[in-house]
PDB file of N, CA and C in Angstrom:
ATOM      1  N   MET A   1       0.289 -63.792  70.168  1.00  0.00           N
ATOM      2  CA  MET A   1       1.732 -64.002  70.165  1.00  0.00           C
ATOM      3  C   MET A   1       2.408 -62.667  70.455  1.00  0.00           C
ATOM      4  N   ILE A   2       3.402 -62.699  71.328  1.00  0.00           N
ATOM      5  CA  ILE A   2       4.181 -61.507  71.637  1.00  0.00           C
ATOM      6  C   ILE A   2       5.326 -61.394  70.629  1.00  0.00           C
ATOM      7  N   VAL A   3       5.484 -60.215  70.049  1.00  0.00           N
ATOM      8  CA  VAL A   3       6.566 -59.966  69.096  1.00  0.00           C
ATOM      9  C   VAL A   3       7.401 -58.784  69.583  1.00  0.00           C
ATOM     10  N   TYR A   4       8.644 -58.753  69.160  1.00  0.00           N
ATOM     11  CA  TYR A   4       9.603 -57.755  69.639  1.00  0.00           C
ATOM     12  C   TYR A   4      10.143 -56.861  68.534  1.00  0.00           C
ATOM     13  N   TYR A   5       9.366 -56.635  67.482  1.00  0.00           N
ATOM     14  CA  TYR A   5       9.858 -55.775  66.406  1.00  0.00           C
ATOM     15  C   TYR A   5      10.047 -54.336  66.885  1.00  0.00           C
ATOM     16  N   LYS A   6       9.297 -53.922  67.908  1.00  0.00           N
ATOM     17  CA  LYS A   6       9.499 -52.574  68.456  1.00  0.00           C
ATOM     18  C   LYS A   6      10.890 -52.457  69.067  1.00  0.00           C
ATOM     19  N   LEU A   7      11.353 -53.522  69.704  1.00  0.00           N
ATOM     20  CA  LEU A   7      12.710 -53.533  70.260  1.00  0.00           C
ATOM     21  C   LEU A   7      13.724 -53.420  69.129  1.00  0.00           C
ATOM     22  N   ALA A   8      13.493 -54.121  68.041  1.00  0.00           N
ATOM     23  CA  ALA A   8      14.383 -54.026  66.884  1.00  0.00           C
ATOM     24  C   ALA A   8      14.452 -52.587  66.377  1.00  0.00           C
ATOM     25  N   ASN A   9      13.307 -51.911  66.346  1.00  0.00           N
ATOM     26  CA  ASN A   9      13.277 -50.517  65.897  1.00  0.00           C
ATOM     27  C   ASN A   9      14.063 -49.608  66.837  1.00  0.00           C
ATOM     28  N   ILE A  10      13.915 -49.808  68.145  1.00  0.00           N
ATOM     29  CA  ILE A  10      14.652 -48.998  69.124  1.00  0.00           C
ATOM     30  C   ILE A  10      16.148 -49.192  68.938  1.00  0.00           C
ATOM     31  N   LEU A  11      16.566 -50.441  68.777  1.00  0.00           N
ATOM     32  CA  LEU A  11      17.993 -50.712  68.582  1.00  0.00           C
ATOM     33  C   LEU A  11      18.505 -50.027  67.325  1.00  0.00           C
ATOM     34  N   LYS A  12      17.732 -50.111  66.269  1.00  0.00           N
ATOM     35  CA  LYS A  12      18.136 -49.484  65.006  1.00  0.00           C
ATOM     36  C   LYS A  12      18.254 -47.969  65.169  1.00  0.00           C
ATOM     37  N   GLU A  13      17.264 -47.355  65.828  1.00  0.00           N
ATOM     38  CA  GLU A  13      17.283 -45.903  66.040  1.00  0.00           C
ATOM     39  C   GLU A  13      18.494 -45.458  66.861  1.00  0.00           C
ATOM     40  N   ARG A  14      18.942 -46.324  67.757  1.00  0.00           N
ATOM     41  CA  ARG A  14      20.076 -45.998  68.633  1.00  0.00           C
ATOM     42  C   ARG A  14      21.406 -46.518  68.099  1.00  0.00           C
ATOM     43  N   ASN A  15      21.394 -46.978  66.864  1.00  0.00           N
ATOM     44  CA  ASN A  15      22.598 -47.528  66.230  1.00  0.00           C
ATOM     45  C   ASN A  15      23.214 -48.645  67.071  1.00  0.00           C
ATOM     46  N   MET A  16      22.343 -49.521  67.553  1.00  0.00           N
ATOM     47  CA  MET A  16      22.767 -50.652  68.366  1.00  0.00           C
ATOM     48  C   MET A  16      22.437 -51.937  67.627  1.00  0.00           C
ATOM     49  N   GLN A  17      23.052 -53.020  68.078  1.00  0.00           N
ATOM     50  CA  GLN A  17      22.763 -54.337  67.525  1.00  0.00           C
ATOM     51  C   GLN A  17      22.167 -55.202  68.627  1.00  0.00           C
ATOM     52  N   TRP A  18      21.591 -56.331  68.237  1.00  0.00           N
ATOM     53  CA  TRP A  18      20.996 -57.234  69.212  1.00  0.00           C
ATOM     54  C   TRP A  18      21.993 -57.615  70.294  1.00  0.00           C
ATOM     55  N   LYS A  19      23.241 -57.873  69.915  1.00  0.00           N
ATOM     56  CA  LYS A  19      24.240 -58.313  70.887  1.00  0.00           C
ATOM     57  C   LYS A  19      24.532 -57.252  71.946  1.00  0.00           C
ATOM     58  N   ASP A  20      24.251 -55.980  71.645  1.00  0.00           N
ATOM     59  CA  ASP A  20      24.458 -54.914  72.623  1.00  0.00           C
ATOM     60  C   ASP A  20      23.565 -55.083  73.846  1.00  0.00           C
ATOM     61  N   LEU A  21      22.490 -55.836  73.711  1.00  0.00           N
ATOM     62  CA  LEU A  21      21.598 -56.076  74.843  1.00  0.00           C
ATOM     63  C   LEU A  21      22.278 -56.879  75.945  1.00  0.00           C
ATOM     64  N   CYS A  22      23.337 -57.588  75.608  1.00  0.00           N
ATOM     65  CA  CYS A  22      24.062 -58.361  76.627  1.00  0.00           C
ATOM     66  C   CYS A  22      24.658 -57.447  77.696  1.00  0.00           C
ATOM     67  N   ASP A  23      24.868 -56.177  77.365  1.00  0.00           N
ATOM     68  CA  ASP A  23      25.372 -55.215  78.349  1.00  0.00           C
ATOM     69  C   ASP A  23      24.352 -54.953  79.453  1.00  0.00           C
ATOM     70  N   SER A  24      23.113 -55.398  79.253  1.00  0.00           N
ATOM     71  CA  SER A  24      22.067 -55.206  80.260  1.00  0.00           C
ATOM     72  C   SER A  24      22.110 -56.285  81.336  1.00  0.00           C
ATOM     73  N   GLY A  25      22.945 -57.289  81.140  1.00  0.00           N
ATOM     74  CA  GLY A  25      23.052 -58.368  82.110  1.00  0.00           C
ATOM     75  C   GLY A  25      22.301 -59.626  81.716  1.00  0.00           C
ATOM     76  N   ILE A  26      21.770 -59.665  80.497  1.00  0.00           N
ATOM     77  CA  ILE A  26      21.079 -60.866  80.043  1.00  0.00           C
ATOM     78  C   ILE A  26      22.090 -61.835  79.442  1.00  0.00           C
ATOM     79  N   SER A  27      21.695 -63.094  79.328  1.00  0.00           N
ATOM     80  CA  SER A  27      22.613 -64.098  78.786  1.00  0.00           C
ATOM     81  C   SER A  27      22.808 -63.886  77.286  1.00  0.00           C
ATOM     82  N   VAL A  28      23.863 -64.462  76.773  1.00  0.00           N
ATOM     83  CA  VAL A  28      24.248 -64.236  75.378  1.00  0.00           C
ATOM     84  C   VAL A  28      23.253 -64.806  74.367  1.00  0.00           C
ATOM     85  N   ASN A  29      22.417 -65.750  74.781  1.00  0.00           N
ATOM     86  CA  ASN A  29      21.445 -66.309  73.833  1.00  0.00           C
ATOM     87  C   ASN A  29      20.139 -65.513  73.799  1.00  0.00           C
ATOM     88  N   MET A  30      19.929 -64.603  74.725  1.00  0.00           N
ATOM     89  CA  MET A  30      18.676 -63.853  74.777  1.00  0.00           C
ATOM     90  C   MET A  30      18.463 -62.911  73.589  1.00  0.00           C
ATOM     91  N   PRO A  31      19.479 -62.200  73.100  1.00  0.00           N
ATOM     92  CA  PRO A  31      19.229 -61.354  71.933  1.00  0.00           C
ATOM     93  C   PRO A  31      18.672 -62.144  70.745  1.00  0.00           C
ATOM     94  N   THR A  32      19.150 -63.354  70.561  1.00  0.00           N
ATOM     95  CA  THR A  32      18.637 -64.194  69.480  1.00  0.00           C
ATOM     96  C   THR A  32      17.180 -64.556  69.740  1.00  0.00           C
ATOM     97  N   ARG A  33      16.858 -64.842  70.988  1.00  0.00           N
ATOM     98  CA  ARG A  33      15.467 -65.178  71.332  1.00  0.00           C
ATOM     99  C   ARG A  33      14.548 -63.988  71.067  1.00  0.00           C
ATOM    100  N   PHE A  34      15.008 -62.778  71.408  1.00  0.00           N
ATOM    101  CA  PHE A  34      14.214 -61.580  71.105  1.00  0.00           C
ATOM    102  C   PHE A  34      14.025 -61.437  69.596  1.00  0.00           C
ATOM    103  N   SER A  35      15.101 -61.568  68.849  1.00  0.00           N
ATOM    104  CA  SER A  35      15.033 -61.344  67.402  1.00  0.00           C
ATOM    105  C   SER A  35      14.161 -62.379  66.700  1.00  0.00           C
ATOM    106  N   GLN A  36      13.974 -63.539  67.326  1.00  0.00           N
ATOM    107  CA  GLN A  36      13.147 -64.591  66.738  1.00  0.00           C
ATOM    108  C   GLN A  36      11.762 -64.675  67.383  1.00  0.00           C
ATOM    109  N   ASN A  37      11.419 -63.692  68.207  1.00  0.00           N
ATOM    110  CA  ASN A  37      10.119 -63.641  68.889  1.00  0.00           C
ATOM    111  C   ASN A  37       9.829 -64.901  69.700  1.00  0.00           C
ATOM    112  N   LYS A  38      10.840 -65.409  70.376  1.00  0.00           N
ATOM    113  CA  LYS A  38      10.681 -66.573  71.247  1.00  0.00           C
ATOM    114  C   LYS A  38      10.177 -66.113  72.613  1.00  0.00           C
ATOM    115  N   ASN A  39       9.796 -67.071  73.464  1.00  0.00           N
ATOM    116  CA  ASN A  39       9.362 -66.741  74.816  1.00  0.00           C
ATOM    117  C   ASN A  39      10.502 -66.120  75.615  1.00  0.00           C
ATOM    118  N   ILE A  40      10.192 -65.028  76.317  1.00  0.00           N
ATOM    119  CA  ILE A  40      11.163 -64.309  77.133  1.00  0.00           C
ATOM    120  C   ILE A  40      10.546 -64.135  78.513  1.00  0.00           C
ATOM    121  N   ASN A  41      11.310 -64.417  79.573  1.00  0.00           N
ATOM    122  CA  ASN A  41      10.725 -64.249  80.898  1.00  0.00           C
ATOM    123  C   ASN A  41      10.734 -62.783  81.324  1.00  0.00           C
ATOM    124  N   SER A  42       9.925 -62.467  82.309  1.00  0.00           N
ATOM    125  CA  SER A  42       9.755 -61.070  82.718  1.00  0.00           C
ATOM    126  C   SER A  42      11.018 -60.477  83.337  1.00  0.00           C
ATOM    127  N   ASP A  43      11.876 -61.284  83.956  1.00  0.00           N
ATOM    128  CA  ASP A  43      13.134 -60.769  84.496  1.00  0.00           C
ATOM    129  C   ASP A  43      14.029 -60.231  83.380  1.00  0.00           C
ATOM    130  N   THR A  44      14.051 -60.940  82.266  1.00  0.00           N
ATOM    131  CA  THR A  44      14.852 -60.505  81.121  1.00  0.00           C
ATOM    132  C   THR A  44      14.273 -59.235  80.516  1.00  0.00           C
ATOM    133  N   ILE A  45      12.968 -59.180  80.395  1.00  0.00           N
ATOM    134  CA  ILE A  45      12.321 -57.974  79.876  1.00  0.00           C
ATOM    135  C   ILE A  45      12.617 -56.796  80.791  1.00  0.00           C
ATOM    136  N   ASP A  46      12.578 -57.025  82.106  1.00  0.00           N
ATOM    137  CA  ASP A  46      12.888 -55.985  83.083  1.00  0.00           C
ATOM    138  C   ASP A  46      14.307 -55.446  82.886  1.00  0.00           C
ATOM    139  N   LYS A  47      15.272 -56.321  82.706  1.00  0.00           N
ATOM    140  CA  LYS A  47      16.667 -55.905  82.513  1.00  0.00           C
ATOM    141  C   LYS A  47      16.826 -55.067  81.248  1.00  0.00           C
ATOM    142  N   VAL A  48      16.192 -55.499  80.172  1.00  0.00           N
ATOM    143  CA  VAL A  48      16.307 -54.779  78.904  1.00  0.00           C
ATOM    144  C   VAL A  48      15.628 -53.410  79.013  1.00  0.00           C
ATOM    145  N   CYS A  49      14.460 -53.370  79.642  1.00  0.00           N
ATOM    146  CA  CYS A  49      13.757 -52.088  79.804  1.00  0.00           C
ATOM    147  C   CYS A  49      14.583 -51.120  80.656  1.00  0.00           C
ATOM    148  N   ARG A  50      15.183 -51.623  81.722  1.00  0.00           N
ATOM    149  CA  ARG A  50      16.032 -50.781  82.571  1.00  0.00           C
ATOM    150  C   ARG A  50      17.241 -50.278  81.779  1.00  0.00           C
ATOM    151  N   PHE A  51      17.859 -51.160  81.021  1.00  0.00           N
ATOM    152  CA  PHE A  51      19.043 -50.817  80.225  1.00  0.00           C
ATOM    153  C   PHE A  51      18.733 -49.743  79.181  1.00  0.00           C
ATOM    154  N   LEU A  52      17.589 -49.885  78.516  1.00  0.00           N
ATOM    155  CA  LEU A  52      17.227 -48.951  77.446  1.00  0.00           C
ATOM    156  C   LEU A  52      16.383 -47.776  77.945  1.00  0.00           C
ATOM    157  N   ASN A  53      15.978 -47.843  79.227  1.00  0.00           N
ATOM    158  CA  ASN A  53      15.133 -46.804  79.833  1.00  0.00           C
ATOM    159  C   ASN A  53      13.812 -46.669  79.063  1.00  0.00           C
ATOM    160  N   VAL A  54      13.130 -47.797  78.890  1.00  0.00           N
ATOM    161  CA  VAL A  54      11.855 -47.844  78.179  1.00  0.00           C
ATOM    162  C   VAL A  54      10.846 -48.653  78.988  1.00  0.00           C
ATOM    163  N   GLN A  55       9.600 -48.600  78.580  1.00  0.00           N
ATOM    164  CA  GLN A  55       8.532 -49.406  79.169  1.00  0.00           C
ATOM    165  C   GLN A  55       8.382 -50.699  78.363  1.00  0.00           C
ATOM    166  N   PRO A  56       7.859 -51.774  78.978  1.00  0.00           N
ATOM    167  CA  PRO A  56       7.687 -53.028  78.235  1.00  0.00           C
ATOM    168  C   PRO A  56       6.891 -52.863  76.936  1.00  0.00           C
ATOM    169  N   GLY A  57       5.877 -52.031  76.960  1.00  0.00           N
ATOM    170  CA  GLY A  57       5.083 -51.800  75.751  1.00  0.00           C
ATOM    171  C   GLY A  57       5.857 -51.112  74.642  1.00  0.00           C
ATOM    172  N   ASP A  58       6.997 -50.511  75.006  1.00  0.00           N
ATOM    173  CA  ASP A  58       7.847 -49.871  73.995  1.00  0.00           C
ATOM    174  C   ASP A  58       8.660 -50.880  73.204  1.00  0.00           C
ATOM    175  N   ILE A  59       8.831 -52.096  73.765  1.00  0.00           N
ATOM    176  CA  ILE A  59       9.686 -53.081  73.105  1.00  0.00           C
ATOM    177  C   ILE A  59       8.933 -54.297  72.592  1.00  0.00           C
ATOM    178  N   MET A  60       7.678 -54.475  73.011  1.00  0.00           N
ATOM    179  CA  MET A  60       6.949 -55.670  72.600  1.00  0.00           C
ATOM    180  C   MET A  60       5.484 -55.357  72.364  1.00  0.00           C
ATOM    181  N   GLU A  61       4.843 -56.263  71.635  1.00  0.00           N
ATOM    182  CA  GLU A  61       3.440 -56.076  71.299  1.00  0.00           C
ATOM    183  C   GLU A  61       2.798 -57.435  71.079  1.00  0.00           C
ATOM    184  N   TYR A  62       1.538 -57.534  71.425  1.00  0.00           N
ATOM    185  CA  TYR A  62       0.773 -58.738  71.120  1.00  0.00           C
ATOM    186  C   TYR A  62       0.191 -58.596  69.722  1.00  0.00           C
ATOM    187  N   VAL A  63       0.346 -59.625  68.922  1.00  0.00           N
ATOM    188  CA  VAL A  63      -0.294 -59.654  67.608  1.00  0.00           C
ATOM    189  C   VAL A  63      -1.053 -60.965  67.469  1.00  0.00           C
ATOM    190  N   ASP A  64      -2.134 -60.922  66.740  1.00  0.00           N
ATOM    191  CA  ASP A  64      -2.925 -62.103  66.454  1.00  0.00           C
ATOM    192  C   ASP A  64      -2.049 -63.114  65.717  1.00  0.00           C
ATOM    193  N   GLU A  65      -2.285 -64.379  65.960  1.00  0.00           N
ATOM    194  CA  GLU A  65      -1.496 -65.438  65.311  1.00  0.00           C
ATOM    195  C   GLU A  65      -1.473 -65.282  63.792  1.00  0.00           C
ATOM    196  N   ASN A  66      -2.561 -64.823  63.226  1.00  0.00           N
ATOM    197  CA  ASN A  66      -2.624 -64.647  61.770  1.00  0.00           C
ATOM    198  C   ASN A  66      -1.665 -63.560  61.305  1.00  0.00           C
ATOM    199  N   LYS A  67      -1.401 -62.589  62.171  1.00  0.00           N
ATOM    200  CA  LYS A  67      -0.494 -61.498  61.823  1.00  0.00           C
ATOM    201  C   LYS A  67       0.932 -61.759  62.288  1.00  0.00           C
ATOM    202  N   ALA A  68       1.128 -62.816  63.047  1.00  0.00           N
ATOM    203  CA  ALA A  68       2.444 -63.119  63.614  1.00  0.00           C
ATOM    204  C   ALA A  68       3.486 -63.356  62.524  1.00  0.00           C
ATOM    205  N   LYS A  69       3.119 -64.058  61.492  1.00  0.00           N
ATOM    206  CA  LYS A  69       4.071 -64.335  60.408  1.00  0.00           C
ATOM    207  C   LYS A  69       4.515 -63.035  59.753  1.00  0.00           C
ATOM    208  N   GLU A  70       3.577 -62.134  59.557  1.00  0.00           N
ATOM    209  CA  GLU A  70       3.895 -60.831  58.974  1.00  0.00           C
ATOM    210  C   GLU A  70       4.872 -60.062  59.874  1.00  0.00           C
ATOM    211  N   ALA A  71       4.645 -60.106  61.185  1.00  0.00           N
ATOM    212  CA  ALA A  71       5.524 -59.426  62.138  1.00  0.00           C
ATOM    213  C   ALA A  71       6.905 -60.073  62.156  1.00  0.00           C
ATOM    214  N   GLU A  72       6.954 -61.389  62.016  1.00  0.00           N
ATOM    215  CA  GLU A  72       8.234 -62.092  61.992  1.00  0.00           C
ATOM    216  C   GLU A  72       9.051 -61.682  60.763  1.00  0.00           C
ATOM    217  N   ILE A  73       8.400 -61.566  59.636  1.00  0.00           N
ATOM    218  CA  ILE A  73       9.070 -61.137  58.406  1.00  0.00           C
ATOM    219  C   ILE A  73       9.608 -59.715  58.580  1.00  0.00           C
ATOM    220  N   LEU A  74       8.819 -58.843  59.195  1.00  0.00           N
ATOM    221  CA  LEU A  74       9.245 -57.476  59.452  1.00  0.00           C
ATOM    222  C   LEU A  74      10.462 -57.453  60.370  1.00  0.00           C
ATOM    223  N   ALA A  75      10.443 -58.246  61.432  1.00  0.00           N
ATOM    224  CA  ALA A  75      11.566 -58.298  62.368  1.00  0.00           C
ATOM    225  C   ALA A  75      12.830 -58.793  61.679  1.00  0.00           C
ATOM    226  N   GLN A  76      12.701 -59.789  60.815  1.00  0.00           N
ATOM    227  CA  GLN A  76      13.854 -60.307  60.092  1.00  0.00           C
ATOM    228  C   GLN A  76      14.428 -59.262  59.148  1.00  0.00           C
ATOM    229  N   LYS A  77      13.567 -58.490  58.498  1.00  0.00           N
ATOM    230  CA  LYS A  77      14.025 -57.438  57.608  1.00  0.00           C
ATOM    231  C   LYS A  77      14.778 -56.374  58.394  1.00  0.00           C
ATOM    232  N   ILE A  78      14.244 -55.988  59.533  1.00  0.00           N
ATOM    233  CA  ILE A  78      14.905 -54.975  60.365  1.00  0.00           C
ATOM    234  C   ILE A  78      16.256 -55.488  60.839  1.00  0.00           C
ATOM    235  N   GLN A  79      16.307 -56.762  61.229  1.00  0.00           N
ATOM    236  CA  GLN A  79      17.569 -57.338  61.684  1.00  0.00           C
ATOM    237  C   GLN A  79      18.600 -57.332  60.563  1.00  0.00           C
ATOM    238  N   LYS A  80      18.208 -57.716  59.366  1.00  0.00           N
ATOM    239  CA  LYS A  80      19.134 -57.727  58.241  1.00  0.00           C
ATOM    240  C   LYS A  80      19.613 -56.318  57.922  1.00  0.00           C
ATOM    241  N   ASP A  81      18.701 -55.344  57.979  1.00  0.00           N
ATOM    242  CA  ASP A  81      19.067 -53.964  57.710  1.00  0.00           C
ATOM    243  C   ASP A  81      20.067 -53.452  58.746  1.00  0.00           C
ATOM    244  N   SER A  82      19.891 -53.835  60.018  1.00  0.00           N
ATOM    245  CA  SER A  82      20.789 -53.336  61.051  1.00  0.00           C
ATOM    246  C   SER A  82      22.155 -54.015  60.963  1.00  0.00           C
ATOM    247  N   GLU A  83      22.211 -55.228  60.424  1.00  0.00           N
ATOM    248  CA  GLU A  83      23.490 -55.908  60.250  1.00  0.00           C
ATOM    249  C   GLU A  83      24.316 -55.267  59.157  1.00  0.00           C
ATOM    250  N   VAL A  84      23.662 -54.675  58.189  1.00  0.00           N
ATOM    251  CA  VAL A  84      24.347 -54.001  57.084  1.00  0.00           C
ATOM    252  C   VAL A  84      25.064 -52.753  57.604  1.00  0.00           C
ATOM    253  N   LEU A  85      24.464 -52.086  58.604  1.00  0.00           N
ATOM    254  CA  LEU A  85      25.059 -50.871  59.160  1.00  0.00           C
ATOM    255  C   LEU A  85      26.278 -51.241  59.862  1.00  0.00           C
TER     256      LEU A  85
END
């Protein structure tokens, strides 16, 4: 399973929120899809990488299905923490 907690970390480090990704030209529902580790097409990943000036491996990672739940919990915690800021 592909997870995007690395993207959440980059956004947090840059004092950005998920919705700021819309400035990259992606649709308004894509930040939610990233934050929930949903399927994302490569065109969207390309836009986000160009916008943030990062490589795909900087924003996503493959994790074993058994570890996916753990990664999802981590992503949710990061999202909640960034909303508090």
